[in-house]
Amino acid sequence: MSAMDVAELGTLTAAEIIDARGAACPGPLLEAKKGMGKVAIGDVIEVWSSDPATKNDISAWAGKVGHGFLGVIEDEGYDRVFLRRGK
């Protein structure tokens, strides 16, 4: 599954939004793992993080465990990271 562009990401409706702004690594990744357990296979979660390392950490984790990394929207002061539950 390839990453989407910002316009496509903006049209997604997340089944779960995780606000991890203010948390340092690995907080946002741990929150993403917890959030993934709350949604159905195929659903999208959105993680908000002010830690610049989060998008790389979550992308690597998603690839390792079989979830789809859809991309990132850079908002004011934080990133919105989108993932699709793969299994």
PDB file of N, CA and C in Angstrom:
ATOM      1  N   MET A   1       0.854  -1.169   0.000  1.00  0.00           N
ATOM      2  CA  MET A   1       0.000   0.000   0.000  1.00  0.00           C
ATOM      3  C   MET A   1       0.901   1.233   0.000  1.00  0.00           C
ATOM      4  N   SER A   2       0.701   2.090  -0.952  1.00  0.00           N
ATOM      5  CA  SER A   2       1.567   3.271  -1.043  1.00  0.00           C
ATOM      6  C   SER A   2       0.966   4.434  -0.261  1.00  0.00           C
ATOM      7  N   ALA A   3       1.818   5.366   0.082  1.00  0.00           N
ATOM      8  CA  ALA A   3       1.367   6.547   0.817  1.00  0.00           C
ATOM      9  C   ALA A   3       0.459   7.392  -0.071  1.00  0.00           C
ATOM     10  N   MET A   4      -0.446   8.091   0.553  1.00  0.00           N
ATOM     11  CA  MET A   4      -1.387   8.958  -0.158  1.00  0.00           C
ATOM     12  C   MET A   4      -0.858  10.385  -0.138  1.00  0.00           C
ATOM     13  N   ASP A   5      -1.371  11.217  -1.053  1.00  0.00           N
ATOM     14  CA  ASP A   5      -0.967  12.620  -0.989  1.00  0.00           C
ATOM     15  C   ASP A   5      -1.848  13.348   0.034  1.00  0.00           C
ATOM     16  N   VAL A   6      -1.465  14.571   0.354  1.00  0.00           N
ATOM     17  CA  VAL A   6      -2.137  15.317   1.415  1.00  0.00           C
ATOM     18  C   VAL A   6      -3.625  15.497   1.131  1.00  0.00           C
ATOM     19  N   ALA A   7      -3.984  15.746  -0.119  1.00  0.00           N
ATOM     20  CA  ALA A   7      -5.397  15.925  -0.462  1.00  0.00           C
ATOM     21  C   ALA A   7      -6.189  14.656  -0.178  1.00  0.00           C
ATOM     22  N   GLU A   8      -5.622  13.502  -0.533  1.00  0.00           N
ATOM     23  CA  GLU A   8      -6.304  12.229  -0.269  1.00  0.00           C
ATOM     24  C   GLU A   8      -6.409  11.970   1.239  1.00  0.00           C
ATOM     25  N   LEU A   9      -5.326  12.248   1.957  1.00  0.00           N
ATOM     26  CA  LEU A   9      -5.336  12.043   3.414  1.00  0.00           C
ATOM     27  C   LEU A   9      -6.411  12.906   4.069  1.00  0.00           C
ATOM     28  N   GLY A  10      -6.571  14.122   3.565  1.00  0.00           N
ATOM     29  CA  GLY A  10      -7.553  15.032   4.133  1.00  0.00           C
ATOM     30  C   GLY A  10      -8.984  14.554   3.996  1.00  0.00           C
ATOM     31  N   THR A  11      -9.246  13.614   3.094  1.00  0.00           N
ATOM     32  CA  THR A  11     -10.597  13.097   2.894  1.00  0.00           C
ATOM     33  C   THR A  11     -10.881  11.872   3.760  1.00  0.00           C
ATOM     34  N   LEU A  12      -9.864  11.336   4.421  1.00  0.00           N
ATOM     35  CA  LEU A  12     -10.050  10.139   5.239  1.00  0.00           C
ATOM     36  C   LEU A  12     -10.817  10.457   6.515  1.00  0.00           C
ATOM     37  N   THR A  13     -11.623   9.503   6.942  1.00  0.00           N
ATOM     38  CA  THR A  13     -12.285   9.606   8.236  1.00  0.00           C
ATOM     39  C   THR A  13     -11.668   8.541   9.126  1.00  0.00           C
ATOM     40  N   ALA A  14     -11.013   8.982  10.180  1.00  0.00           N
ATOM     41  CA  ALA A  14     -10.355   8.042  11.081  1.00  0.00           C
ATOM     42  C   ALA A  14     -11.377   7.429  12.036  1.00  0.00           C
ATOM     43  N   ALA A  15     -11.259   6.121  12.248  1.00  0.00           N
ATOM     44  CA  ALA A  15     -12.112   5.433  13.215  1.00  0.00           C
ATOM     45  C   ALA A  15     -11.678   5.798  14.635  1.00  0.00           C
ATOM     46  N   GLU A  16     -10.416   6.159  14.782  1.00  0.00           N
ATOM     47  CA  GLU A  16      -9.853   6.500  16.096  1.00  0.00           C
ATOM     48  C   GLU A  16      -8.841   7.618  15.893  1.00  0.00           C
ATOM     49  N   ILE A  17      -8.954   8.701  16.674  1.00  0.00           N
ATOM     50  CA  ILE A  17      -7.956   9.773  16.645  1.00  0.00           C
ATOM     51  C   ILE A  17      -7.233   9.745  17.978  1.00  0.00           C
ATOM     52  N   ILE A  18      -5.923   9.667  17.909  1.00  0.00           N
ATOM     53  CA  ILE A  18      -5.095   9.592  19.103  1.00  0.00           C
ATOM     54  C   ILE A  18      -4.312  10.888  19.222  1.00  0.00           C
ATOM     55  N   ASP A  19      -4.586  11.640  20.277  1.00  0.00           N
ATOM     56  CA  ASP A  19      -3.902  12.910  20.487  1.00  0.00           C
ATOM     57  C   ASP A  19      -2.716  12.666  21.416  1.00  0.00           C
ATOM     58  N   ALA A  20      -1.525  12.516  20.815  1.00  0.00           N
ATOM     59  CA  ALA A  20      -0.306  12.270  21.592  1.00  0.00           C
ATOM     60  C   ALA A  20       0.602  13.499  21.556  1.00  0.00           C
ATOM     61  N   ARG A  21       0.024  14.671  21.272  1.00  0.00           N
ATOM     62  CA  ARG A  21       0.830  15.892  21.248  1.00  0.00           C
ATOM     63  C   ARG A  21       1.404  16.138  22.642  1.00  0.00           C
ATOM     64  N   GLY A  22       2.658  16.546  22.691  1.00  0.00           N
ATOM     65  CA  GLY A  22       3.304  16.811  23.966  1.00  0.00           C
ATOM     66  C   GLY A  22       4.026  15.598  24.529  1.00  0.00           C
ATOM     67  N   ALA A  23       3.723  14.415  24.020  1.00  0.00           N
ATOM     68  CA  ALA A  23       4.400  13.197  24.482  1.00  0.00           C
ATOM     69  C   ALA A  23       5.671  12.999  23.668  1.00  0.00           C
ATOM     70  N   ALA A  24       6.748  12.657  24.351  1.00  0.00           N
ATOM     71  CA  ALA A  24       8.005  12.375  23.653  1.00  0.00           C
ATOM     72  C   ALA A  24       8.045  10.899  23.294  1.00  0.00           C
ATOM     73  N   CYS A  25       8.893  10.576  22.342  1.00  0.00           N
ATOM     74  CA  CYS A  25       9.078   9.199  21.922  1.00  0.00           C
ATOM     75  C   CYS A  25       9.445   8.353  23.139  1.00  0.00           C
ATOM     76  N   PRO A  26       8.952   7.165  23.312  1.00  0.00           N
ATOM     77  CA  PRO A  26       8.078   6.407  22.409  1.00  0.00           C
ATOM     78  C   PRO A  26       6.594   6.563  22.691  1.00  0.00           C
ATOM     79  N   GLY A  27       6.197   7.585  23.447  1.00  0.00           N
ATOM     80  CA  GLY A  27       4.790   7.756  23.807  1.00  0.00           C
ATOM     81  C   GLY A  27       3.808   7.676  22.655  1.00  0.00           C
ATOM     82  N   PRO A  28       3.999   8.472  21.595  1.00  0.00           N
ATOM     83  CA  PRO A  28       3.034   8.416  20.480  1.00  0.00           C
ATOM     84  C   PRO A  28       2.940   7.030  19.832  1.00  0.00           C
ATOM     85  N   LEU A  29       4.068   6.329  19.738  1.00  0.00           N
ATOM     86  CA  LEU A  29       4.047   4.986  19.155  1.00  0.00           C
ATOM     87  C   LEU A  29       3.271   4.031  20.055  1.00  0.00           C
ATOM     88  N   LEU A  30       3.467   4.106  21.352  1.00  0.00           N
ATOM     89  CA  LEU A  30       2.722   3.249  22.284  1.00  0.00           C
ATOM     90  C   LEU A  30       1.236   3.545  22.206  1.00  0.00           C
ATOM     91  N   GLU A  31       0.884   4.821  22.087  1.00  0.00           N
ATOM     92  CA  GLU A  31      -0.529   5.203  21.953  1.00  0.00           C
ATOM     93  C   GLU A  31      -1.113   4.661  20.641  1.00  0.00           C
ATOM     94  N   ALA A  32      -0.320   4.692  19.567  1.00  0.00           N
ATOM     95  CA  ALA A  32      -0.772   4.154  18.277  1.00  0.00           C
ATOM     96  C   ALA A  32      -1.038   2.654  18.391  1.00  0.00           C
ATOM     97  N   LYS A  33      -0.145   1.940  19.088  1.00  0.00           N
ATOM     98  CA  LYS A  33      -0.335   0.490  19.276  1.00  0.00           C
ATOM     99  C   LYS A  33      -1.638   0.220  20.017  1.00  0.00           C
ATOM    100  N   LYS A  34      -1.891   1.000  21.074  1.00  0.00           N
ATOM    101  CA  LYS A  34      -3.131   0.829  21.845  1.00  0.00           C
ATOM    102  C   LYS A  34      -4.348   1.136  20.979  1.00  0.00           C
ATOM    103  N   GLY A  35      -4.266   2.237  20.235  1.00  0.00           N
ATOM    104  CA  GLY A  35      -5.388   2.653  19.397  1.00  0.00           C
ATOM    105  C   GLY A  35      -5.704   1.649  18.309  1.00  0.00           C
ATOM    106  N   MET A  36      -4.667   1.018  17.768  1.00  0.00           N
ATOM    107  CA  MET A  36      -4.860   0.037  16.687  1.00  0.00           C
ATOM    108  C   MET A  36      -5.705  -1.135  17.178  1.00  0.00           C
ATOM    109  N   GLY A  37      -5.567  -1.465  18.461  1.00  0.00           N
ATOM    110  CA  GLY A  37      -6.347  -2.565  19.022  1.00  0.00           C
ATOM    111  C   GLY A  37      -7.822  -2.259  19.177  1.00  0.00           C
ATOM    112  N   LYS A  38      -8.195  -0.992  19.050  1.00  0.00           N
ATOM    113  CA  LYS A  38      -9.592  -0.587  19.237  1.00  0.00           C
ATOM    114  C   LYS A  38     -10.382  -0.539  17.937  1.00  0.00           C
ATOM    115  N   VAL A  39      -9.698  -0.658  16.796  1.00  0.00           N
ATOM    116  CA  VAL A  39     -10.397  -0.500  15.511  1.00  0.00           C
ATOM    117  C   VAL A  39     -10.397  -1.813  14.731  1.00  0.00           C
ATOM    118  N   ALA A  40     -11.320  -1.908  13.791  1.00  0.00           N
ATOM    119  CA  ALA A  40     -11.450  -3.114  12.970  1.00  0.00           C
ATOM    120  C   ALA A  40     -10.390  -3.134  11.862  1.00  0.00           C
ATOM    121  N   ILE A  41     -10.097  -4.334  11.366  1.00  0.00           N
ATOM    122  CA  ILE A  41      -9.175  -4.476  10.236  1.00  0.00           C
ATOM    123  C   ILE A  41      -9.713  -3.646   9.072  1.00  0.00           C
ATOM    124  N   GLY A  42      -8.828  -2.864   8.460  1.00  0.00           N
ATOM    125  CA  GLY A  42      -9.224  -1.991   7.352  1.00  0.00           C
ATOM    126  C   GLY A  42      -9.550  -0.576   7.783  1.00  0.00           C
ATOM    127  N   ASP A  43      -9.767  -0.370   9.090  1.00  0.00           N
ATOM    128  CA  ASP A  43     -10.071   0.976   9.587  1.00  0.00           C
ATOM    129  C   ASP A  43      -8.799   1.824   9.650  1.00  0.00           C
ATOM    130  N   VAL A  44      -9.004   3.133   9.694  1.00  0.00           N
ATOM    131  CA  VAL A  44      -7.904   4.098   9.737  1.00  0.00           C
ATOM    132  C   VAL A  44      -7.812   4.696  11.132  1.00  0.00           C
ATOM    133  N   ILE A  45      -6.569   4.830  11.626  1.00  0.00           N
ATOM    134  CA  ILE A  45      -6.355   5.623  12.827  1.00  0.00           C
ATOM    135  C   ILE A  45      -5.487   6.813  12.445  1.00  0.00           C
ATOM    136  N   GLU A  46      -5.667   7.881  13.210  1.00  0.00           N
ATOM    137  CA  GLU A  46      -4.905   9.114  12.993  1.00  0.00           C
ATOM    138  C   GLU A  46      -4.214   9.446  14.311  1.00  0.00           C
ATOM    139  N   VAL A  47      -2.905   9.632  14.260  1.00  0.00           N
ATOM    140  CA  VAL A  47      -2.130   9.949  15.460  1.00  0.00           C
ATOM    141  C   VAL A  47      -1.618  11.378  15.337  1.00  0.00           C
ATOM    142  N   TRP A  48      -1.925  12.193  16.335  1.00  0.00           N
ATOM    143  CA  TRP A  48      -1.418  13.563  16.363  1.00  0.00           C
ATOM    144  C   TRP A  48      -0.191  13.569  17.243  1.00  0.00           C
ATOM    145  N   SER A  49       0.923  14.070  16.732  1.00  0.00           N
ATOM    146  CA  SER A  49       2.155  14.084  17.518  1.00  0.00           C
ATOM    147  C   SER A  49       2.973  15.332  17.233  1.00  0.00           C
ATOM    148  N   SER A  50       3.509  15.908  18.310  1.00  0.00           N
ATOM    149  CA  SER A  50       4.394  17.058  18.164  1.00  0.00           C
ATOM    150  C   SER A  50       5.862  16.634  18.156  1.00  0.00           C
ATOM    151  N   ASP A  51       6.123  15.327  18.301  1.00  0.00           N
ATOM    152  CA  ASP A  51       7.495  14.807  18.266  1.00  0.00           C
ATOM    153  C   ASP A  51       7.865  14.518  16.806  1.00  0.00           C
ATOM    154  N   PRO A  52       8.885  15.209  16.261  1.00  0.00           N
ATOM    155  CA  PRO A  52       9.219  15.032  14.844  1.00  0.00           C
ATOM    156  C   PRO A  52       9.671  13.618  14.476  1.00  0.00           C
ATOM    157  N   ALA A  53      10.093  12.821  15.443  1.00  0.00           N
ATOM    158  CA  ALA A  53      10.540  11.449  15.148  1.00  0.00           C
ATOM    159  C   ALA A  53       9.372  10.482  14.967  1.00  0.00           C
ATOM    160  N   THR A  54       8.190  10.893  15.400  1.00  0.00           N
ATOM    161  CA  THR A  54       7.042   9.973  15.403  1.00  0.00           C
ATOM    162  C   THR A  54       6.731   9.402  14.034  1.00  0.00           C
ATOM    163  N   LYS A  55       6.710  10.257  12.996  1.00  0.00           N
ATOM    164  CA  LYS A  55       6.293   9.740  11.677  1.00  0.00           C
ATOM    165  C   LYS A  55       7.218   8.628  11.200  1.00  0.00           C
ATOM    166  N   ASN A  56       8.510   8.738  11.449  1.00  0.00           N
ATOM    167  CA  ASN A  56       9.442   7.678  11.048  1.00  0.00           C
ATOM    168  C   ASN A  56       9.274   6.431  11.907  1.00  0.00           C
ATOM    169  N   ASP A  57       9.109   6.639  13.216  1.00  0.00           N
ATOM    170  CA  ASP A  57       8.933   5.510  14.130  1.00  0.00           C
ATOM    171  C   ASP A  57       7.673   4.721  13.787  1.00  0.00           C
ATOM    172  N   ILE A  58       6.574   5.448  13.576  1.00  0.00           N
ATOM    173  CA  ILE A  58       5.304   4.775  13.299  1.00  0.00           C
ATOM    174  C   ILE A  58       5.337   4.105  11.932  1.00  0.00           C
ATOM    175  N   SER A  59       5.952   4.740  10.962  1.00  0.00           N
ATOM    176  CA  SER A  59       6.072   4.135   9.634  1.00  0.00           C
ATOM    177  C   SER A  59       6.847   2.823   9.709  1.00  0.00           C
ATOM    178  N   ALA A  60       7.963   2.824  10.430  1.00  0.00           N
ATOM    179  CA  ALA A  60       8.782   1.611  10.565  1.00  0.00           C
ATOM    180  C   ALA A  60       8.012   0.515  11.297  1.00  0.00           C
ATOM    181  N   TRP A  61       7.334   0.892  12.376  1.00  0.00           N
ATOM    182  CA  TRP A  61       6.554  -0.084  13.151  1.00  0.00           C
ATOM    183  C   TRP A  61       5.439  -0.684  12.296  1.00  0.00           C
ATOM    184  N   ALA A  62       4.706   0.170  11.572  1.00  0.00           N
ATOM    185  CA  ALA A  62       3.587  -0.307  10.745  1.00  0.00           C
ATOM    186  C   ALA A  62       4.075  -1.314   9.709  1.00  0.00           C
ATOM    187  N   GLY A  63       5.204  -1.009   9.065  1.00  0.00           N
ATOM    188  CA  GLY A  63       5.752  -1.928   8.068  1.00  0.00           C
ATOM    189  C   GLY A  63       6.159  -3.261   8.665  1.00  0.00           C
ATOM    190  N   LYS A  64       6.672  -3.208   9.882  1.00  0.00           N
ATOM    191  CA  LYS A  64       7.142  -4.427  10.545  1.00  0.00           C
ATOM    192  C   LYS A  64       5.992  -5.340  10.947  1.00  0.00           C
ATOM    193  N   VAL A  65       4.883  -4.759  11.394  1.00  0.00           N
ATOM    194  CA  VAL A  65       3.794  -5.569  11.938  1.00  0.00           C
ATOM    195  C   VAL A  65       2.619  -5.763  10.974  1.00  0.00           C
ATOM    196  N   GLY A  66       2.691  -5.160   9.791  1.00  0.00           N
ATOM    197  CA  GLY A  66       1.672  -5.447   8.785  1.00  0.00           C
ATOM    198  C   GLY A  66       0.526  -4.453   8.682  1.00  0.00           C
ATOM    199  N   HIS A  67       0.689  -3.250   9.209  1.00  0.00           N
ATOM    200  CA  HIS A  67      -0.318  -2.208   9.032  1.00  0.00           C
ATOM    201  C   HIS A  67       0.116  -1.306   7.879  1.00  0.00           C
ATOM    202  N   GLY A  68      -0.820  -0.557   7.322  1.00  0.00           N
ATOM    203  CA  GLY A  68      -0.506   0.332   6.208  1.00  0.00           C
ATOM    204  C   GLY A  68      -0.206   1.739   6.696  1.00  0.00           C
ATOM    205  N   PHE A  69       0.973   2.247   6.356  1.00  0.00           N
ATOM    206  CA  PHE A  69       1.313   3.644   6.652  1.00  0.00           C
ATOM    207  C   PHE A  69       0.797   4.463   5.486  1.00  0.00           C
ATOM    208  N   LEU A  70      -0.188   5.323   5.735  1.00  0.00           N
ATOM    209  CA  LEU A  70      -0.838   6.057   4.654  1.00  0.00           C
ATOM    210  C   LEU A  70      -0.188   7.401   4.371  1.00  0.00           C
ATOM    211  N   GLY A  71       0.454   7.994   5.383  1.00  0.00           N
ATOM    212  CA  GLY A  71       1.116   9.267   5.157  1.00  0.00           C
ATOM    213  C   GLY A  71       0.932  10.217   6.320  1.00  0.00           C
ATOM    214  N   VAL A  72       1.398  11.447   6.108  1.00  0.00           N
ATOM    215  CA  VAL A  72       1.435  12.459   7.162  1.00  0.00           C
ATOM    216  C   VAL A  72       0.939  13.795   6.607  1.00  0.00           C
ATOM    217  N   ILE A  73       0.135  14.483   7.389  1.00  0.00           N
ATOM    218  CA  ILE A  73      -0.218  15.871   7.103  1.00  0.00           C
ATOM    219  C   ILE A  73       0.472  16.704   8.181  1.00  0.00           C
ATOM    220  N   GLU A  74       1.251  17.682   7.755  1.00  0.00           N
ATOM    221  CA  GLU A  74       1.899  18.575   8.715  1.00  0.00           C
ATOM    222  C   GLU A  74       0.939  19.698   9.049  1.00  0.00           C
ATOM    223  N   ASP A  75       0.554  19.763  10.316  1.00  0.00           N
ATOM    224  CA  ASP A  75      -0.349  20.815  10.786  1.00  0.00           C
ATOM    225  C   ASP A  75       0.484  21.821  11.567  1.00  0.00           C
ATOM    226  N   GLU A  76      -0.146  22.804  12.167  1.00  0.00           N
ATOM    227  CA  GLU A  76       0.612  23.823  12.894  1.00  0.00           C
ATOM    228  C   GLU A  76       1.135  23.269  14.209  1.00  0.00           C
ATOM    229  N   GLY A  77       2.435  22.971  14.255  1.00  0.00           N
ATOM    230  CA  GLY A  77       3.060  22.514  15.482  1.00  0.00           C
ATOM    231  C   GLY A  77       2.975  21.022  15.745  1.00  0.00           C
ATOM    232  N   TYR A  78       2.330  20.286  14.852  1.00  0.00           N
ATOM    233  CA  TYR A  78       2.263  18.830  15.040  1.00  0.00           C
ATOM    234  C   TYR A  78       2.008  18.135  13.712  1.00  0.00           C
ATOM    235  N   ASP A  79       2.249  16.822  13.707  1.00  0.00           N
ATOM    236  CA  ASP A  79       1.992  15.997  12.529  1.00  0.00           C
ATOM    237  C   ASP A  79       0.743  15.161  12.761  1.00  0.00           C
ATOM    238  N   ARG A  80      -0.011  14.954  11.689  1.00  0.00           N
ATOM    239  CA  ARG A  80      -1.157  14.033  11.710  1.00  0.00           C
ATOM    240  C   ARG A  80      -0.729  12.821  10.895  1.00  0.00           C
ATOM    241  N   VAL A  81      -0.524  11.695  11.573  1.00  0.00           N
ATOM    242  CA  VAL A  81      -0.012  10.468  10.955  1.00  0.00           C
ATOM    243  C   VAL A  81      -1.189   9.503  10.762  1.00  0.00           C
ATOM    244  N   PHE A  82      -1.333   8.999   9.532  1.00  0.00           N
ATOM    245  CA  PHE A  82      -2.458   8.125   9.201  1.00  0.00           C
ATOM    246  C   PHE A  82      -1.992   6.693   8.959  1.00  0.00           C
ATOM    247  N   LEU A  83      -2.702   5.742   9.563  1.00  0.00           N
ATOM    248  CA  LEU A  83      -2.411   4.316   9.418  1.00  0.00           C
ATOM    249  C   LEU A  83      -3.677   3.554   9.161  1.00  0.00           C
ATOM    250  N   ARG A  84      -3.574   2.452   8.401  1.00  0.00           N
ATOM    251  CA  ARG A  84      -4.721   1.559   8.191  1.00  0.00           C
ATOM    252  C   ARG A  84      -4.391   0.222   8.840  1.00  0.00           C
ATOM    253  N   ARG A  85      -5.316  -0.281   9.673  1.00  0.00           N
ATOM    254  CA  ARG A  85      -5.078  -1.551  10.338  1.00  0.00           C
ATOM    255  C   ARG A  85      -5.035  -2.670   9.303  1.00  0.00           C
ATOM    256  N   GLY A  86      -3.956  -3.443   9.342  1.00  0.00           N
ATOM    257  CA  GLY A  86      -3.775  -4.483   8.346  1.00  0.00           C
ATOM    258  C   GLY A  86      -4.129  -5.873   8.805  1.00  0.00           C
ATOM    259  N   LYS A  87      -4.144  -6.127  10.106  1.00  0.00           N
ATOM    260  CA  LYS A  87      -4.440  -7.487  10.583  1.00  0.00           C
ATOM    261  C   LYS A  87      -5.010  -7.466  11.982  1.00  0.00           C
TER     262      LYS A  87
END
